[in-house]
Amino acid sequence: MTTADEPKTTSERRARPSGRDAKRAARAARAASSVPYITRALPRFEVLDEEGLSLIENNADTILEEIGLNFREDPEALQIWKSAGVTVPILGVLRRPGTGI
């Protein structure tokens, strides 16, 4: 058997570039430079200005002072508040600190 009759190894068979390799390289090049599918067309905007945010915060403080938060049958939530340093009354109604119960 001569060297021409011997079977070729895998590396010898792949010596020529194939169309498959060229397509794979083209896809890789395209993916790196492509534009994202979805682009934002609307400008960014603020839903509320500082005045609106302070109004919400003041109203939340009023609710906490006058009504409070009631955690019924939720010992885990009360334990989280206790571990944060809040004094939890027996009924579980939390109010803003310094306003009493």
PDB file of N, CA and C in Angstrom:
ATOM      1  N   MET A   1       0.827  -1.172   0.000  1.00  0.00           N
ATOM      2  CA  MET A   1       0.000   0.000   0.000  1.00  0.00           C
ATOM      3  C   MET A   1       0.874   1.239   0.000  1.00  0.00           C
ATOM      4  N   THR A   2       0.610   2.161  -0.851  1.00  0.00           N
ATOM      5  CA  THR A   2       1.399   3.383  -0.952  1.00  0.00           C
ATOM      6  C   THR A   2       0.754   4.466  -0.108  1.00  0.00           C
ATOM      7  N   THR A   3       1.444   5.600   0.002  1.00  0.00           N
ATOM      8  CA  THR A   3       0.912   6.699   0.813  1.00  0.00           C
ATOM      9  C   THR A   3      -0.352   7.281   0.204  1.00  0.00           C
ATOM     10  N   ALA A   4      -0.518   7.170  -1.101  1.00  0.00           N
ATOM     11  CA  ALA A   4      -1.725   7.679  -1.743  1.00  0.00           C
ATOM     12  C   ALA A   4      -2.920   6.804  -1.433  1.00  0.00           C
ATOM     13  N   ASP A   5      -2.687   5.513  -1.147  1.00  0.00           N
ATOM     14  CA  ASP A   5      -3.782   4.593  -0.875  1.00  0.00           C
ATOM     15  C   ASP A   5      -4.229   4.604   0.595  1.00  0.00           C
ATOM     16  N   GLU A   6      -3.423   5.188   1.480  1.00  0.00           N
ATOM     17  CA  GLU A   6      -3.762   5.199   2.906  1.00  0.00           C
ATOM     18  C   GLU A   6      -4.948   6.135   3.153  1.00  0.00           C
ATOM     19  N   PRO A   7      -5.807   5.787   4.105  1.00  0.00           N
ATOM     20  CA  PRO A   7      -6.949   6.670   4.404  1.00  0.00           C
ATOM     21  C   PRO A   7      -6.473   7.978   5.032  1.00  0.00           C
ATOM     22  N   LYS A   8      -7.156   9.036   4.678  1.00  0.00           N
ATOM     23  CA  LYS A   8      -6.778  10.356   5.190  1.00  0.00           C
ATOM     24  C   LYS A   8      -7.351  10.546   6.596  1.00  0.00           C
ATOM     25  N   THR A   9      -6.606  11.259   7.414  1.00  0.00           N
ATOM     26  CA  THR A   9      -7.091  11.560   8.763  1.00  0.00           C
ATOM     27  C   THR A   9      -8.038  12.752   8.691  1.00  0.00           C
ATOM     28  N   THR A  10      -8.692  13.031   9.787  1.00  0.00           N
ATOM     29  CA  THR A  10      -9.679  14.116   9.836  1.00  0.00           C
ATOM     30  C   THR A  10      -9.044  15.467   9.555  1.00  0.00           C
ATOM     31  N   SER A  11      -7.856  15.706  10.094  1.00  0.00           N
ATOM     32  CA  SER A  11      -7.207  16.999   9.885  1.00  0.00           C
ATOM     33  C   SER A  11      -6.813  17.193   8.426  1.00  0.00           C
ATOM     34  N   GLU A  12      -6.474  16.116   7.729  1.00  0.00           N
ATOM     35  CA  GLU A  12      -6.124  16.241   6.312  1.00  0.00           C
ATOM     36  C   GLU A  12      -7.363  16.501   5.463  1.00  0.00           C
ATOM     37  N   ARG A  13      -8.495  15.965   5.852  1.00  0.00           N
ATOM     38  CA  ARG A  13      -9.724  16.189   5.102  1.00  0.00           C
ATOM     39  C   ARG A  13     -10.234  17.613   5.253  1.00  0.00           C
ATOM     40  N   ARG A  14      -9.977  18.255   6.377  1.00  0.00           N
ATOM     41  CA  ARG A  14     -10.493  19.589   6.641  1.00  0.00           C
ATOM     42  C   ARG A  14      -9.525  20.677   6.180  1.00  0.00           C
ATOM     43  N   ALA A  15      -8.582  20.351   5.364  1.00  0.00           N
ATOM     44  CA  ALA A  15      -7.594  21.332   4.938  1.00  0.00           C
ATOM     45  C   ALA A  15      -8.227  22.433   4.088  1.00  0.00           C
ATOM     46  N   ARG A  16      -9.243  22.102   3.316  1.00  0.00           N
ATOM     47  CA  ARG A  16      -9.903  23.106   2.484  1.00  0.00           C
ATOM     48  C   ARG A  16     -11.005  23.805   3.281  1.00  0.00           C
ATOM     49  N   PRO A  17     -11.128  25.106   3.142  1.00  0.00           N
ATOM     50  CA  PRO A  17     -12.225  25.801   3.815  1.00  0.00           C
ATOM     51  C   PRO A  17     -13.555  25.414   3.168  1.00  0.00           C
ATOM     52  N   SER A  18     -14.564  25.301   3.959  1.00  0.00           N
ATOM     53  CA  SER A  18     -15.871  24.914   3.426  1.00  0.00           C
ATOM     54  C   SER A  18     -16.835  26.087   3.492  1.00  0.00           C
ATOM     55  N   GLY A  19     -17.922  25.962   2.801  1.00  0.00           N
ATOM     56  CA  GLY A  19     -18.954  26.991   2.828  1.00  0.00           C
ATOM     57  C   GLY A  19     -19.579  27.116   4.208  1.00  0.00           C
ATOM     58  N   ARG A  20     -19.624  26.009   4.915  1.00  0.00           N
ATOM     59  CA  ARG A  20     -20.180  26.004   6.260  1.00  0.00           C
ATOM     60  C   ARG A  20     -19.377  26.899   7.193  1.00  0.00           C
ATOM     61  N   ASP A  21     -18.030  26.810   7.100  1.00  0.00           N
ATOM     62  CA  ASP A  21     -17.173  27.656   7.926  1.00  0.00           C
ATOM     63  C   ASP A  21     -17.326  29.126   7.556  1.00  0.00           C
ATOM     64  N   ALA A  22     -17.471  29.415   6.281  1.00  0.00           N
ATOM     65  CA  ALA A  22     -17.631  30.798   5.833  1.00  0.00           C
ATOM     66  C   ALA A  22     -18.949  31.375   6.346  1.00  0.00           C
ATOM     67  N   LYS A  23     -20.017  30.581   6.309  1.00  0.00           N
ATOM     68  CA  LYS A  23     -21.317  31.046   6.809  1.00  0.00           C
ATOM     69  C   LYS A  23     -21.257  31.291   8.314  1.00  0.00           C
ATOM     70  N   ARG A  24     -20.595  30.406   9.024  1.00  0.00           N
ATOM     71  CA  ARG A  24     -20.468  30.568  10.472  1.00  0.00           C
ATOM     72  C   ARG A  24     -19.699  31.843  10.807  1.00  0.00           C
ATOM     73  N   ALA A  25     -18.634  32.121  10.081  1.00  0.00           N
ATOM     74  CA  ALA A  25     -17.852  33.334  10.306  1.00  0.00           C
ATOM     75  C   ALA A  25     -18.663  34.584   9.966  1.00  0.00           C
ATOM     76  N   ALA A  26     -19.471  34.525   8.903  1.00  0.00           N
ATOM     77  CA  ALA A  26     -20.298  35.666   8.514  1.00  0.00           C
ATOM     78  C   ALA A  26     -21.361  35.949   9.577  1.00  0.00           C
ATOM     79  N   ARG A  27     -21.968  34.894  10.141  1.00  0.00           N
ATOM     80  CA  ARG A  27     -22.963  35.079  11.196  1.00  0.00           C
ATOM     81  C   ARG A  27     -22.341  35.700  12.437  1.00  0.00           C
ATOM     82  N   ALA A  28     -21.155  35.274  12.784  1.00  0.00           N
ATOM     83  CA  ALA A  28     -20.480  35.805  13.961  1.00  0.00           C
ATOM     84  C   ALA A  28     -20.141  37.278  13.773  1.00  0.00           C
ATOM     85  N   ALA A  29     -19.727  37.666  12.585  1.00  0.00           N
ATOM     86  CA  ALA A  29     -19.394  39.066  12.313  1.00  0.00           C
ATOM     87  C   ALA A  29     -20.643  39.933  12.336  1.00  0.00           C
ATOM     88  N   ARG A  30     -21.744  39.413  11.813  1.00  0.00           N
ATOM     89  CA  ARG A  30     -23.008  40.156  11.786  1.00  0.00           C
ATOM     90  C   ARG A  30     -23.553  40.350  13.190  1.00  0.00           C
ATOM     91  N   ALA A  31     -23.453  39.355  14.043  1.00  0.00           N
ATOM     92  CA  ALA A  31     -24.009  39.424  15.389  1.00  0.00           C
ATOM     93  C   ALA A  31     -23.319  40.495  16.218  1.00  0.00           C
ATOM     94  N   ALA A  32     -22.059  40.706  16.006  1.00  0.00           N
ATOM     95  CA  ALA A  32     -21.313  41.686  16.784  1.00  0.00           C
ATOM     96  C   ALA A  32     -21.676  43.113  16.407  1.00  0.00           C
ATOM     97  N   SER A  33     -22.073  43.360  15.181  1.00  0.00           N
ATOM     98  CA  SER A  33     -22.327  44.728  14.749  1.00  0.00           C
ATOM     99  C   SER A  33     -23.797  45.022  14.495  1.00  0.00           C
ATOM    100  N   SER A  34     -24.705  44.118  14.865  1.00  0.00           N
ATOM    101  CA  SER A  34     -26.121  44.335  14.569  1.00  0.00           C
ATOM    102  C   SER A  34     -26.763  45.263  15.594  1.00  0.00           C
ATOM    103  N   VAL A  35     -27.843  45.902  15.200  1.00  0.00           N
ATOM    104  CA  VAL A  35     -28.611  46.799  16.055  1.00  0.00           C
ATOM    105  C   VAL A  35     -29.603  45.950  16.848  1.00  0.00           C
ATOM    106  N   PRO A  36     -29.862  46.290  18.115  1.00  0.00           N
ATOM    107  CA  PRO A  36     -30.834  45.520  18.873  1.00  0.00           C
ATOM    108  C   PRO A  36     -32.199  45.536  18.188  1.00  0.00           C
ATOM    109  N   TYR A  37     -32.965  44.485  18.405  1.00  0.00           N
ATOM    110  CA  TYR A  37     -34.259  44.343  17.747  1.00  0.00           C
ATOM    111  C   TYR A  37     -35.222  45.452  18.163  1.00  0.00           C
ATOM    112  N   ILE A  38     -35.272  45.760  19.468  1.00  0.00           N
ATOM    113  CA  ILE A  38     -36.182  46.784  19.963  1.00  0.00           C
ATOM    114  C   ILE A  38     -35.372  48.008  20.365  1.00  0.00           C
ATOM    115  N   THR A  39     -35.762  49.145  19.831  1.00  0.00           N
ATOM    116  CA  THR A  39     -35.111  50.398  20.220  1.00  0.00           C
ATOM    117  C   THR A  39     -36.165  51.305  20.836  1.00  0.00           C
ATOM    118  N   ARG A  40     -35.768  52.090  21.810  1.00  0.00           N
ATOM    119  CA  ARG A  40     -36.682  52.983  22.513  1.00  0.00           C
ATOM    120  C   ARG A  40     -36.943  54.212  21.658  1.00  0.00           C
ATOM    121  N   ALA A  41     -38.210  54.443  21.311  1.00  0.00           N
ATOM    122  CA  ALA A  41     -38.579  55.577  20.484  1.00  0.00           C
ATOM    123  C   ALA A  41     -39.108  56.744  21.318  1.00  0.00           C
ATOM    124  N   LEU A  42     -39.567  56.464  22.544  1.00  0.00           N
ATOM    125  CA  LEU A  42     -40.111  57.517  23.399  1.00  0.00           C
ATOM    126  C   LEU A  42     -39.006  58.126  24.246  1.00  0.00           C
ATOM    127  N   PRO A  43     -39.068  59.426  24.461  1.00  0.00           N
ATOM    128  CA  PRO A  43     -38.072  60.032  25.346  1.00  0.00           C
ATOM    129  C   PRO A  43     -38.372  59.675  26.806  1.00  0.00           C
ATOM    130  N   ARG A  44     -37.357  59.701  27.638  1.00  0.00           N
ATOM    131  CA  ARG A  44     -37.555  59.428  29.061  1.00  0.00           C
ATOM    132  C   ARG A  44     -38.260  60.620  29.698  1.00  0.00           C
ATOM    133  N   PHE A  45     -39.123  60.328  30.663  1.00  0.00           N
ATOM    134  CA  PHE A  45     -39.831  61.404  31.341  1.00  0.00           C
ATOM    135  C   PHE A  45     -40.074  61.012  32.791  1.00  0.00           C
ATOM    136  N   GLU A  46     -40.322  62.006  33.632  1.00  0.00           N
ATOM    137  CA  GLU A  46     -40.603  61.776  35.036  1.00  0.00           C
ATOM    138  C   GLU A  46     -42.109  61.766  35.232  1.00  0.00           C
ATOM    139  N   VAL A  47     -42.596  60.781  35.969  1.00  0.00           N
ATOM    140  CA  VAL A  47     -44.025  60.683  36.221  1.00  0.00           C
ATOM    141  C   VAL A  47     -44.461  61.791  37.180  1.00  0.00           C
ATOM    142  N   LEU A  48     -43.677  62.015  38.222  1.00  0.00           N
ATOM    143  CA  LEU A  48     -43.980  63.058  39.202  1.00  0.00           C
ATOM    144  C   LEU A  48     -42.778  63.967  39.379  1.00  0.00           C
ATOM    145  N   ASP A  49     -43.056  65.231  39.657  1.00  0.00           N
ATOM    146  CA  ASP A  49     -41.972  66.141  39.988  1.00  0.00           C
ATOM    147  C   ASP A  49     -41.732  66.074  41.499  1.00  0.00           C
ATOM    148  N   GLU A  50     -40.831  66.873  42.018  1.00  0.00           N
ATOM    149  CA  GLU A  50     -40.492  66.856  43.443  1.00  0.00           C
ATOM    150  C   GLU A  50     -41.694  67.216  44.309  1.00  0.00           C
ATOM    151  N   GLU A  51     -42.520  68.137  43.834  1.00  0.00           N
ATOM    152  CA  GLU A  51     -43.703  68.538  44.599  1.00  0.00           C
ATOM    153  C   GLU A  51     -44.673  67.363  44.760  1.00  0.00           C
ATOM    154  N   GLY A  52     -44.899  66.606  43.697  1.00  0.00           N
ATOM    155  CA  GLY A  52     -45.783  65.444  43.763  1.00  0.00           C
ATOM    156  C   GLY A  52     -45.240  64.359  44.682  1.00  0.00           C
ATOM    157  N   LEU A  53     -43.927  64.137  44.633  1.00  0.00           N
ATOM    158  CA  LEU A  53     -43.317  63.131  45.511  1.00  0.00           C
ATOM    159  C   LEU A  53     -43.424  63.535  46.981  1.00  0.00           C
ATOM    160  N   SER A  54     -43.214  64.811  47.279  1.00  0.00           N
ATOM    161  CA  SER A  54     -43.323  65.253  48.670  1.00  0.00           C
ATOM    162  C   SER A  54     -44.765  65.185  49.157  1.00  0.00           C
ATOM    163  N   LEU A  55     -45.743  65.421  48.284  1.00  0.00           N
ATOM    164  CA  LEU A  55     -47.149  65.297  48.650  1.00  0.00           C
ATOM    165  C   LEU A  55     -47.475  63.855  49.034  1.00  0.00           C
ATOM    166  N   ILE A  56     -46.991  62.890  48.249  1.00  0.00           N
ATOM    167  CA  ILE A  56     -47.217  61.471  48.565  1.00  0.00           C
ATOM    168  C   ILE A  56     -46.554  61.115  49.897  1.00  0.00           C
ATOM    169  N   GLU A  57     -45.342  61.593  50.112  1.00  0.00           N
ATOM    170  CA  GLU A  57     -44.635  61.278  51.352  1.00  0.00           C
ATOM    171  C   GLU A  57     -45.359  61.866  52.557  1.00  0.00           C
ATOM    172  N   ASN A  58     -45.840  63.094  52.443  1.00  0.00           N
ATOM    173  CA  ASN A  58     -46.570  63.721  53.555  1.00  0.00           C
ATOM    174  C   ASN A  58     -47.870  62.973  53.852  1.00  0.00           C
ATOM    175  N   ASN A  59     -48.574  62.550  52.810  1.00  0.00           N
ATOM    176  CA  ASN A  59     -49.812  61.804  53.014  1.00  0.00           C
ATOM    177  C   ASN A  59     -49.540  60.439  53.644  1.00  0.00           C
ATOM    178  N   ALA A  60     -48.449  59.803  53.259  1.00  0.00           N
ATOM    179  CA  ALA A  60     -48.081  58.520  53.869  1.00  0.00           C
ATOM    180  C   ALA A  60     -47.762  58.705  55.346  1.00  0.00           C
ATOM    181  N   ASP A  61     -47.075  59.787  55.695  1.00  0.00           N
ATOM    182  CA  ASP A  61     -46.784  60.078  57.100  1.00  0.00           C
ATOM    183  C   ASP A  61     -48.067  60.319  57.888  1.00  0.00           C
ATOM    184  N   THR A  62     -49.014  61.030  57.301  1.00  0.00           N
ATOM    185  CA  THR A  62     -50.300  61.293  57.964  1.00  0.00           C
ATOM    186  C   THR A  62     -51.037  59.987  58.228  1.00  0.00           C
ATOM    187  N   ILE A  63     -51.035  59.086  57.256  1.00  0.00           N
ATOM    188  CA  ILE A  63     -51.701  57.795  57.433  1.00  0.00           C
ATOM    189  C   ILE A  63     -51.040  56.998  58.550  1.00  0.00           C
ATOM    190  N   LEU A  64     -49.719  56.995  58.591  1.00  0.00           N
ATOM    191  CA  LEU A  64     -49.020  56.258  59.642  1.00  0.00           C
ATOM    192  C   LEU A  64     -49.290  56.863  61.015  1.00  0.00           C
ATOM    193  N   GLU A  65     -49.389  58.194  61.101  1.00  0.00           N
ATOM    194  CA  GLU A  65     -49.632  58.844  62.390  1.00  0.00           C
ATOM    195  C   GLU A  65     -51.058  58.618  62.873  1.00  0.00           C
ATOM    196  N   GLU A  66     -52.024  58.748  61.988  1.00  0.00           N
ATOM    197  CA  GLU A  66     -53.425  58.713  62.405  1.00  0.00           C
ATOM    198  C   GLU A  66     -54.025  57.309  62.411  1.00  0.00           C
ATOM    199  N   ILE A  67     -53.643  56.471  61.488  1.00  0.00           N
ATOM    200  CA  ILE A  67     -54.261  55.154  61.361  1.00  0.00           C
ATOM    201  C   ILE A  67     -53.294  54.047  61.768  1.00  0.00           C
ATOM    202  N   GLY A  68     -52.091  54.072  61.224  1.00  0.00           N
ATOM    203  CA  GLY A  68     -51.098  53.042  61.527  1.00  0.00           C
ATOM    204  C   GLY A  68     -51.204  51.869  60.572  1.00  0.00           C
ATOM    205  N   LEU A  69     -50.403  50.860  60.840  1.00  0.00           N
ATOM    206  CA  LEU A  69     -50.416  49.622  60.055  1.00  0.00           C
ATOM    207  C   LEU A  69     -50.824  48.490  60.969  1.00  0.00           C
ATOM    208  N   ASN A  70     -51.723  47.645  60.513  1.00  0.00           N
ATOM    209  CA  ASN A  70     -52.191  46.528  61.316  1.00  0.00           C
ATOM    210  C   ASN A  70     -51.764  45.227  60.647  1.00  0.00           C
ATOM    211  N   PHE A  71     -50.983  44.435  61.376  1.00  0.00           N
ATOM    212  CA  PHE A  71     -50.536  43.143  60.874  1.00  0.00           C
ATOM    213  C   PHE A  71     -51.294  42.065  61.626  1.00  0.00           C
ATOM    214  N   ARG A  72     -52.368  41.591  61.052  1.00  0.00           N
ATOM    215  CA  ARG A  72     -53.180  40.558  61.691  1.00  0.00           C
ATOM    216  C   ARG A  72     -52.660  39.182  61.315  1.00  0.00           C
ATOM    217  N   GLU A  73     -52.483  38.376  62.323  1.00  0.00           N
ATOM    218  CA  GLU A  73     -52.084  36.982  62.142  1.00  0.00           C
ATOM    219  C   GLU A  73     -50.844  36.837  61.261  1.00  0.00           C
ATOM    220  N   ASP A  74     -49.894  37.725  61.480  1.00  0.00           N
ATOM    221  CA  ASP A  74     -48.639  37.645  60.717  1.00  0.00           C
ATOM    222  C   ASP A  74     -47.463  37.847  61.673  1.00  0.00           C
ATOM    223  N   PRO A  75     -47.160  36.825  62.473  1.00  0.00           N
ATOM    224  CA  PRO A  75     -46.077  36.971  63.448  1.00  0.00           C
ATOM    225  C   PRO A  75     -44.711  37.192  62.804  1.00  0.00           C
ATOM    226  N   GLU A  76     -44.532  36.689  61.591  1.00  0.00           N
ATOM    227  CA  GLU A  76     -43.239  36.880  60.913  1.00  0.00           C
ATOM    228  C   GLU A  76     -43.004  38.356  60.608  1.00  0.00           C
ATOM    229  N   ALA A  77     -44.035  39.052  60.120  1.00  0.00           N
ATOM    230  CA  ALA A  77     -43.903  40.480  59.818  1.00  0.00           C
ATOM    231  C   ALA A  77     -43.624  41.264  61.095  1.00  0.00           C
ATOM    232  N   LEU A  78     -44.320  40.923  62.183  1.00  0.00           N
ATOM    233  CA  LEU A  78     -44.081  41.613  63.457  1.00  0.00           C
ATOM    234  C   LEU A  78     -42.665  41.364  63.967  1.00  0.00           C
ATOM    235  N   GLN A  79     -42.157  40.160  63.754  1.00  0.00           N
ATOM    236  CA  GLN A  79     -40.785  39.853  64.177  1.00  0.00           C
ATOM    237  C   GLN A  79     -39.771  40.661  63.373  1.00  0.00           C
ATOM    238  N   ILE A  80     -40.037  40.850  62.085  1.00  0.00           N
ATOM    239  CA  ILE A  80     -39.140  41.672  61.247  1.00  0.00           C
ATOM    240  C   ILE A  80     -39.113  43.102  61.757  1.00  0.00           C
ATOM    241  N   TRP A  81     -40.286  43.639  62.092  1.00  0.00           N
ATOM    242  CA  TRP A  81     -40.342  45.006  62.633  1.00  0.00           C
ATOM    243  C   TRP A  81     -39.600  45.082  63.962  1.00  0.00           C
ATOM    244  N   LYS A  82     -39.787  44.071  64.844  1.00  0.00           N
ATOM    245  CA  LYS A  82     -39.101  44.066  66.139  1.00  0.00           C
ATOM    246  C   LYS A  82     -37.592  44.033  65.960  1.00  0.00           C
ATOM    247  N   SER A  83     -37.125  43.211  65.019  1.00  0.00           N
ATOM    248  CA  SER A  83     -35.674  43.120  64.797  1.00  0.00           C
ATOM    249  C   SER A  83     -35.107  44.412  64.209  1.00  0.00           C
ATOM    250  N   ALA A  84     -35.976  45.236  63.611  1.00  0.00           N
ATOM    251  CA  ALA A  84     -35.532  46.529  63.082  1.00  0.00           C
ATOM    252  C   ALA A  84     -35.556  47.612  64.146  1.00  0.00           C
ATOM    253  N   GLY A  85     -36.015  47.262  65.372  1.00  0.00           N
ATOM    254  CA  GLY A  85     -35.995  48.227  66.465  1.00  0.00           C
ATOM    255  C   GLY A  85     -37.316  48.923  66.715  1.00  0.00           C
ATOM    256  N   VAL A  86     -38.393  48.472  66.106  1.00  0.00           N
ATOM    257  CA  VAL A  86     -39.704  49.084  66.298  1.00  0.00           C
ATOM    258  C   VAL A  86     -40.380  48.426  67.487  1.00  0.00           C
ATOM    259  N   THR A  87     -41.002  49.244  68.356  1.00  0.00           N
ATOM    260  CA  THR A  87     -41.772  48.711  69.466  1.00  0.00           C
ATOM    261  C   THR A  87     -43.126  48.280  68.932  1.00  0.00           C
ATOM    262  N   VAL A  88     -43.410  47.000  69.031  1.00  0.00           N
ATOM    263  CA  VAL A  88     -44.656  46.446  68.490  1.00  0.00           C
ATOM    264  C   VAL A  88     -45.636  46.244  69.638  1.00  0.00           C
ATOM    265  N   PRO A  89     -46.795  46.922  69.598  1.00  0.00           N
ATOM    266  CA  PRO A  89     -47.792  46.720  70.646  1.00  0.00           C
ATOM    267  C   PRO A  89     -48.461  45.352  70.532  1.00  0.00           C
ATOM    268  N   ILE A  90     -49.212  44.998  71.534  1.00  0.00           N
ATOM    269  CA  ILE A  90     -49.829  43.668  71.586  1.00  0.00           C
ATOM    270  C   ILE A  90     -50.791  43.451  70.427  1.00  0.00           C
ATOM    271  N   LEU A  91     -51.550  44.453  70.051  1.00  0.00           N
ATOM    272  CA  LEU A  91     -52.524  44.292  68.972  1.00  0.00           C
ATOM    273  C   LEU A  91     -51.882  44.231  67.594  1.00  0.00           C
ATOM    274  N   GLY A  92     -50.624  44.626  67.487  1.00  0.00           N
ATOM    275  CA  GLY A  92     -49.940  44.565  66.209  1.00  0.00           C
ATOM    276  C   GLY A  92     -50.171  45.764  65.321  1.00  0.00           C
ATOM    277  N   VAL A  93     -50.721  46.858  65.862  1.00  0.00           N
ATOM    278  CA  VAL A  93     -50.928  48.065  65.088  1.00  0.00           C
ATOM    279  C   VAL A  93     -49.700  48.946  65.244  1.00  0.00           C
ATOM    280  N   LEU A  94     -48.990  49.167  64.162  1.00  0.00           N
ATOM    281  CA  LEU A  94     -47.777  49.983  64.213  1.00  0.00           C
ATOM    282  C   LEU A  94     -48.109  51.401  63.798  1.00  0.00           C
ATOM    283  N   ARG A  95     -47.540  52.348  64.526  1.00  0.00           N
ATOM    284  CA  ARG A  95     -47.702  53.754  64.157  1.00  0.00           C
ATOM    285  C   ARG A  95     -46.335  54.371  64.030  1.00  0.00           C
ATOM    286  N   ARG A  96     -46.318  55.547  63.501  1.00  0.00           N
ATOM    287  CA  ARG A  96     -45.052  56.254  63.305  1.00  0.00           C
ATOM    288  C   ARG A  96     -44.412  56.503  64.665  1.00  0.00           C
ATOM    289  N   PRO A  97     -43.117  56.271  64.803  1.00  0.00           N
ATOM    290  CA  PRO A  97     -42.461  56.466  66.101  1.00  0.00           C
ATOM    291  C   PRO A  97     -42.639  57.886  66.614  1.00  0.00           C
ATOM    292  N   GLY A  98     -42.864  57.986  67.940  1.00  0.00           N
ATOM    293  CA  GLY A  98     -42.979  59.292  68.566  1.00  0.00           C
ATOM    294  C   GLY A  98     -44.402  59.834  68.590  1.00  0.00           C
ATOM    295  N   THR A  99     -45.363  59.099  68.042  1.00  0.00           N
ATOM    296  CA  THR A  99     -46.727  59.601  68.040  1.00  0.00           C
ATOM    297  C   THR A  99     -47.604  58.879  69.044  1.00  0.00           C
ATOM    298  N   GLY A 100     -47.061  57.900  69.735  1.00  0.00           N
ATOM    299  CA  GLY A 100     -47.859  57.142  70.694  1.00  0.00           C
ATOM    300  C   GLY A 100     -48.614  56.026  70.031  1.00  0.00           C
ATOM    301  N   ILE A 101     -49.446  55.397  70.834  1.00  0.00           N
ATOM    302  CA  ILE A 101     -50.205  54.248  70.305  1.00  0.00           C
ATOM    303  C   ILE A 101     -51.625  54.561  70.145  1.00  0.00           C
TER     304      ILE A 101
END
